[in-house]
Amino acid sequence: QLHSALSNLQETTSATMKKLRAERKAFKMQARRAQESLATVRGDFKAIATWDAKDGQMYSMLTRRLVLRISGAGCPENKVKDVILSCADVFGVNAKNLTLSAPSVARMKKEGRYISLIQIGREIKMTYGTVPRQGLEFHDVGHDLKSGKS
């Protein structure tokens, strides 16, 4: 009887150990998959949390728009870079390739004015009653908008 009880205890212990080993293996696999997922998420977050101010060698349109808005709000040209870096730091974003200087900001403002003038010119060109003639000169094609007569 002692032999049978010992044998029964050994089988129970063996089955319990086998079950514990299987659970341990499952937990190890789960931990490895979690580490892989965590590494992927960290890489994705790092990519998301990095903002590149340039497209190649030129500042992107987003950077130019941001500079114009900050400068238009009254920020001095030599402080625009500091404002952008401070905002990026507050929001946890790493700003990359941001080497703005006061002359660069002034140039962007000047380019912005020219772009707005070009946009106005295009809108005038597309208005009803004008036909382009030799570049940017326009002439009236005879439409009278008030009376509707030609």
C-alpha atoms as a PDB file:
ATOM      1  CA  GLN A   1       0.000   0.000   0.000  1.00  0.00           C
ATOM      2  CA  LEU A   2       2.828   2.366   0.749  1.00  0.00           C
ATOM      3  CA  HIS A   3       4.324   1.531  -2.612  1.00  0.00           C
ATOM      4  CA  SER A   4       1.051   2.324  -4.407  1.00  0.00           C
ATOM      5  CA  ALA A   5       0.604   5.602  -2.494  1.00  0.00           C
ATOM      6  CA  LEU A   6       4.187   6.580  -3.307  1.00  0.00           C
ATOM      7  CA  SER A   7       3.659   5.676  -6.967  1.00  0.00           C
ATOM      8  CA  ASN A   8       0.402   7.663  -7.059  1.00  0.00           C
ATOM      9  CA  LEU A   9       2.125  10.668  -5.437  1.00  0.00           C
ATOM     10  CA  GLN A  10       4.968  10.436  -7.947  1.00  0.00           C
ATOM     11  CA  GLU A  11       2.508  10.403 -10.880  1.00  0.00           C
ATOM     12  CA  THR A  12       0.624  13.377  -9.449  1.00  0.00           C
ATOM     13  CA  THR A  13       3.872  15.267  -8.877  1.00  0.00           C
ATOM     14  CA  SER A  14       5.061  14.403 -12.387  1.00  0.00           C
ATOM     15  CA  ALA A  15       1.783  15.592 -13.933  1.00  0.00           C
ATOM     16  CA  THR A  16       1.873  18.795 -11.873  1.00  0.00           C
ATOM     17  CA  MET A  17       5.486  19.468 -12.901  1.00  0.00           C
ATOM     18  CA  LYS A  18       4.622  18.812 -16.559  1.00  0.00           C
ATOM     19  CA  LYS A  19       1.717  21.250 -16.312  1.00  0.00           C
ATOM     20  CA  LEU A  20       3.924  23.870 -14.602  1.00  0.00           C
ATOM     21  CA  ARG A  21       6.621  23.471 -17.292  1.00  0.00           C
ATOM     22  CA  ALA A  22       4.000  23.970 -20.025  1.00  0.00           C
ATOM     23  CA  GLU A  23       2.672  27.094 -18.290  1.00  0.00           C
ATOM     24  CA  ARG A  24       6.232  28.409 -17.848  1.00  0.00           C
ATOM     25  CA  LYS A  25       6.927  27.836 -21.549  1.00  0.00           C
ATOM     26  CA  ALA A  26       3.682  29.630 -22.477  1.00  0.00           C
ATOM     27  CA  PHE A  27       4.565  32.579 -20.217  1.00  0.00           C
ATOM     28  CA  LYS A  28       8.065  32.777 -21.723  1.00  0.00           C
ATOM     29  CA  MET A  29       6.575  32.845 -25.233  1.00  0.00           C
ATOM     30  CA  GLN A  30       4.065  35.493 -24.164  1.00  0.00           C
ATOM     31  CA  ALA A  31       6.868  37.583 -22.623  1.00  0.00           C
ATOM     32  CA  ARG A  32       8.967  37.291 -25.805  1.00  0.00           C
ATOM     33  CA  ARG A  33       6.027  38.333 -27.992  1.00  0.00           C
ATOM     34  CA  ALA A  34       5.298  41.238 -25.637  1.00  0.00           C
ATOM     35  CA  GLN A  35       8.934  42.385 -25.851  1.00  0.00           C
ATOM     36  CA  GLU A  36       8.812  42.216 -29.654  1.00  0.00           C
ATOM     37  CA  SER A  37       5.562  44.198 -29.673  1.00  0.00           C
ATOM     38  CA  LEU A  38       7.004  46.731 -27.247  1.00  0.00           C
ATOM     39  CA  ALA A  39      10.079  47.177 -29.453  1.00  0.00           C
ATOM     40  CA  THR A  40       7.826  47.706 -32.482  1.00  0.00           C
ATOM     41  CA  VAL A  41       5.655  50.227 -30.642  1.00  0.00           C
ATOM     42  CA  ARG A  42       8.719  52.085 -29.352  1.00  0.00           C
ATOM     43  CA  GLY A  43      10.107  52.255 -32.890  1.00  0.00           C
ATOM     44  CA  ASP A  44       6.769  53.457 -34.253  1.00  0.00           C
ATOM     45  CA  PHE A  45       6.457  56.055 -31.492  1.00  0.00           C
ATOM     46  CA  LYS A  46      10.001  57.270 -32.120  1.00  0.00           C
ATOM     47  CA  ALA A  47       9.187  57.663 -35.817  1.00  0.00           C
ATOM     48  CA  ILE A  48       5.925  59.449 -35.030  1.00  0.00           C
ATOM     49  CA  ALA A  49       7.513  61.663 -32.383  1.00  0.00           C
ATOM     50  CA  THR A  50      10.234  62.893 -34.760  1.00  0.00           C
ATOM     51  CA  TRP A  51       9.455  65.852 -36.996  1.00  0.00           C
ATOM     52  CA  ASP A  52      11.816  66.628 -39.870  1.00  0.00           C
ATOM     53  CA  ALA A  53      11.713  70.324 -40.706  1.00  0.00           C
ATOM     54  CA  LYS A  54      13.255  69.800 -44.148  1.00  0.00           C
ATOM     55  CA  ASP A  55      12.416  67.904 -47.307  1.00  0.00           C
ATOM     56  CA  GLY A  56      15.905  67.115 -48.524  1.00  0.00           C
ATOM     57  CA  GLN A  57      17.834  70.388 -48.382  1.00  0.00           C
ATOM     58  CA  MET A  58      14.826  72.742 -48.311  1.00  0.00           C
ATOM     59  CA  TYR A  59      12.427  73.566 -45.505  1.00  0.00           C
ATOM     60  CA  SER A  60       9.090  71.809 -45.982  1.00  0.00           C
ATOM     61  CA  MET A  61       5.885  73.718 -46.678  1.00  0.00           C
ATOM     62  CA  LEU A  62       4.674  72.780 -43.192  1.00  0.00           C
ATOM     63  CA  THR A  63       7.768  74.406 -41.677  1.00  0.00           C
ATOM     64  CA  ARG A  64       7.317  77.503 -43.816  1.00  0.00           C
ATOM     65  CA  ARG A  65       3.652  77.780 -42.844  1.00  0.00           C
ATOM     66  CA  LEU A  66       4.553  77.369 -39.169  1.00  0.00           C
ATOM     67  CA  VAL A  67       7.280  80.033 -39.412  1.00  0.00           C
ATOM     68  CA  LEU A  68       4.910  82.469 -41.135  1.00  0.00           C
ATOM     69  CA  ARG A  69       2.187  81.952 -38.526  1.00  0.00           C
ATOM     70  CA  ILE A  70       4.550  82.364 -35.578  1.00  0.00           C
ATOM     71  CA  SER A  71       6.195  85.391 -37.147  1.00  0.00           C
ATOM     72  CA  GLY A  72       2.796  86.836 -38.061  1.00  0.00           C
ATOM     73  CA  ALA A  73       1.740  86.512 -34.425  1.00  0.00           C
ATOM     74  CA  GLY A  74       4.475  88.984 -33.511  1.00  0.00           C
ATOM     75  CA  CYS A  75       7.420  86.755 -32.642  1.00  0.00           C
ATOM     76  CA  PRO A  76      10.793  88.339 -33.521  1.00  0.00           C
ATOM     77  CA  GLU A  77      12.607  86.669 -36.415  1.00  0.00           C
ATOM     78  CA  ASN A  78      15.552  85.657 -34.238  1.00  0.00           C
ATOM     79  CA  LYS A  79      13.252  83.870 -31.728  1.00  0.00           C
ATOM     80  CA  VAL A  80      11.094  81.799 -34.116  1.00  0.00           C
ATOM     81  CA  LYS A  81      13.419  78.790 -33.900  1.00  0.00           C
ATOM     82  CA  ASP A  82      13.349  78.889 -30.085  1.00  0.00           C
ATOM     83  CA  VAL A  83       9.542  79.026 -30.070  1.00  0.00           C
ATOM     84  CA  ILE A  84       9.257  76.027 -32.409  1.00  0.00           C
ATOM     85  CA  LEU A  85      11.769  73.997 -30.384  1.00  0.00           C
ATOM     86  CA  SER A  86      10.014  74.883 -27.119  1.00  0.00           C
ATOM     87  CA  CYS A  87       6.617  73.832 -28.475  1.00  0.00           C
ATOM     88  CA  ALA A  88       8.070  70.585 -29.848  1.00  0.00           C
ATOM     89  CA  ASP A  89       9.669  69.860 -26.472  1.00  0.00           C
ATOM     90  CA  VAL A  90       6.418  70.495 -24.602  1.00  0.00           C
ATOM     91  CA  PHE A  91       4.527  68.082 -26.874  1.00  0.00           C
ATOM     92  CA  GLY A  92       7.295  65.446 -26.739  1.00  0.00           C
ATOM     93  CA  VAL A  93       8.306  65.782 -30.374  1.00  0.00           C
ATOM     94  CA  ASN A  94      11.919  65.671 -31.502  1.00  0.00           C
ATOM     95  CA  ALA A  95      12.519  68.449 -34.068  1.00  0.00           C
ATOM     96  CA  LYS A  96      15.116  67.403 -36.621  1.00  0.00           C
ATOM     97  CA  ASN A  97      17.025  69.590 -39.139  1.00  0.00           C
ATOM     98  CA  LEU A  98      15.723  72.861 -37.705  1.00  0.00           C
ATOM     99  CA  THR A  99      18.541  75.346 -38.274  1.00  0.00           C
ATOM    100  CA  LEU A 100      16.466  78.494 -38.665  1.00  0.00           C
ATOM    101  CA  SER A 101      18.197  81.841 -38.508  1.00  0.00           C
ATOM    102  CA  ALA A 102      16.724  85.338 -38.583  1.00  0.00           C
ATOM    103  CA  PRO A 103      17.688  85.819 -42.278  1.00  0.00           C
ATOM    104  CA  SER A 104      15.994  82.505 -43.145  1.00  0.00           C
ATOM    105  CA  VAL A 105      12.789  83.629 -41.434  1.00  0.00           C
ATOM    106  CA  ALA A 106      12.934  86.987 -43.251  1.00  0.00           C
ATOM    107  CA  ARG A 107      13.414  85.180 -46.571  1.00  0.00           C
ATOM    108  CA  MET A 108      10.427  82.907 -45.870  1.00  0.00           C
ATOM    109  CA  LYS A 109       8.265  85.937 -45.085  1.00  0.00           C
ATOM    110  CA  LYS A 110       9.363  87.606 -48.332  1.00  0.00           C
ATOM    111  CA  GLU A 111       8.688  84.428 -50.328  1.00  0.00           C
ATOM    112  CA  GLY A 112       5.287  84.154 -48.645  1.00  0.00           C
ATOM    113  CA  ARG A 113       4.365  87.647 -49.842  1.00  0.00           C
ATOM    114  CA  TYR A 114       5.351  86.780 -53.417  1.00  0.00           C
ATOM    115  CA  ILE A 115       3.393  83.538 -53.302  1.00  0.00           C
ATOM    116  CA  SER A 116       0.297  85.400 -52.101  1.00  0.00           C
ATOM    117  CA  LEU A 117       0.675  87.915 -54.953  1.00  0.00           C
ATOM    118  CA  ILE A 118       0.940  85.063 -57.443  1.00  0.00           C
ATOM    119  CA  GLN A 119      -2.216  83.521 -55.952  1.00  0.00           C
ATOM    120  CA  ILE A 120      -4.084  86.824 -56.288  1.00  0.00           C
ATOM    121  CA  GLY A 121      -2.913  87.073 -59.902  1.00  0.00           C
ATOM    122  CA  ARG A 122      -4.206  83.590 -60.640  1.00  0.00           C
ATOM    123  CA  GLU A 123      -7.561  84.394 -59.055  1.00  0.00           C
ATOM    124  CA  ILE A 124      -7.859  87.583 -61.123  1.00  0.00           C
ATOM    125  CA  LYS A 125      -6.988  85.619 -64.233  1.00  0.00           C
ATOM    126  CA  MET A 126      -9.803  83.150 -63.542  1.00  0.00           C
ATOM    127  CA  THR A 127     -12.490  85.790 -62.918  1.00  0.00           C
ATOM    128  CA  TYR A 128     -15.434  86.178 -65.249  1.00  0.00           C
ATOM    129  CA  GLY A 129     -15.027  88.842 -67.893  1.00  0.00           C
ATOM    130  CA  THR A 130     -11.268  88.821 -68.354  1.00  0.00           C
ATOM    131  CA  VAL A 131      -9.255  86.981 -70.953  1.00  0.00           C
ATOM    132  CA  PRO A 132      -5.458  86.745 -70.760  1.00  0.00           C
ATOM    133  CA  ARG A 133      -3.534  88.546 -73.479  1.00  0.00           C
ATOM    134  CA  GLN A 134       0.261  88.323 -73.609  1.00  0.00           C
ATOM    135  CA  GLY A 135       1.150  87.212 -70.107  1.00  0.00           C
ATOM    136  CA  LEU A 136      -0.478  89.059 -67.223  1.00  0.00           C
ATOM    137  CA  GLU A 137      -2.302  91.739 -69.220  1.00  0.00           C
ATOM    138  CA  PHE A 138      -6.084  91.405 -69.255  1.00  0.00           C
ATOM    139  CA  HIS A 139      -8.771  93.036 -71.329  1.00  0.00           C
ATOM    140  CA  ASP A 140     -12.513  93.250 -70.960  1.00  0.00           C
ATOM    141  CA  VAL A 141     -14.399  90.964 -73.321  1.00  0.00           C
ATOM    142  CA  GLY A 142     -17.468  93.176 -73.277  1.00  0.00           C
ATOM    143  CA  HIS A 143     -19.550  91.695 -70.481  1.00  0.00           C
ATOM    144  CA  ASP A 144     -21.568  94.144 -68.458  1.00  0.00           C
ATOM    145  CA  LEU A 145     -22.282  92.347 -65.206  1.00  0.00           C
ATOM    146  CA  LYS A 146     -24.918  94.862 -64.011  1.00  0.00           C
ATOM    147  CA  SER A 147     -27.172  94.816 -67.071  1.00  0.00           C
ATOM    148  CA  GLY A 148     -26.247  91.335 -68.301  1.00  0.00           C
ATOM    149  CA  LYS A 149     -25.632  92.739 -71.820  1.00  0.00           C
ATOM    150  CA  SER A 150     -22.592  92.038 -73.943  1.00  0.00           C
END
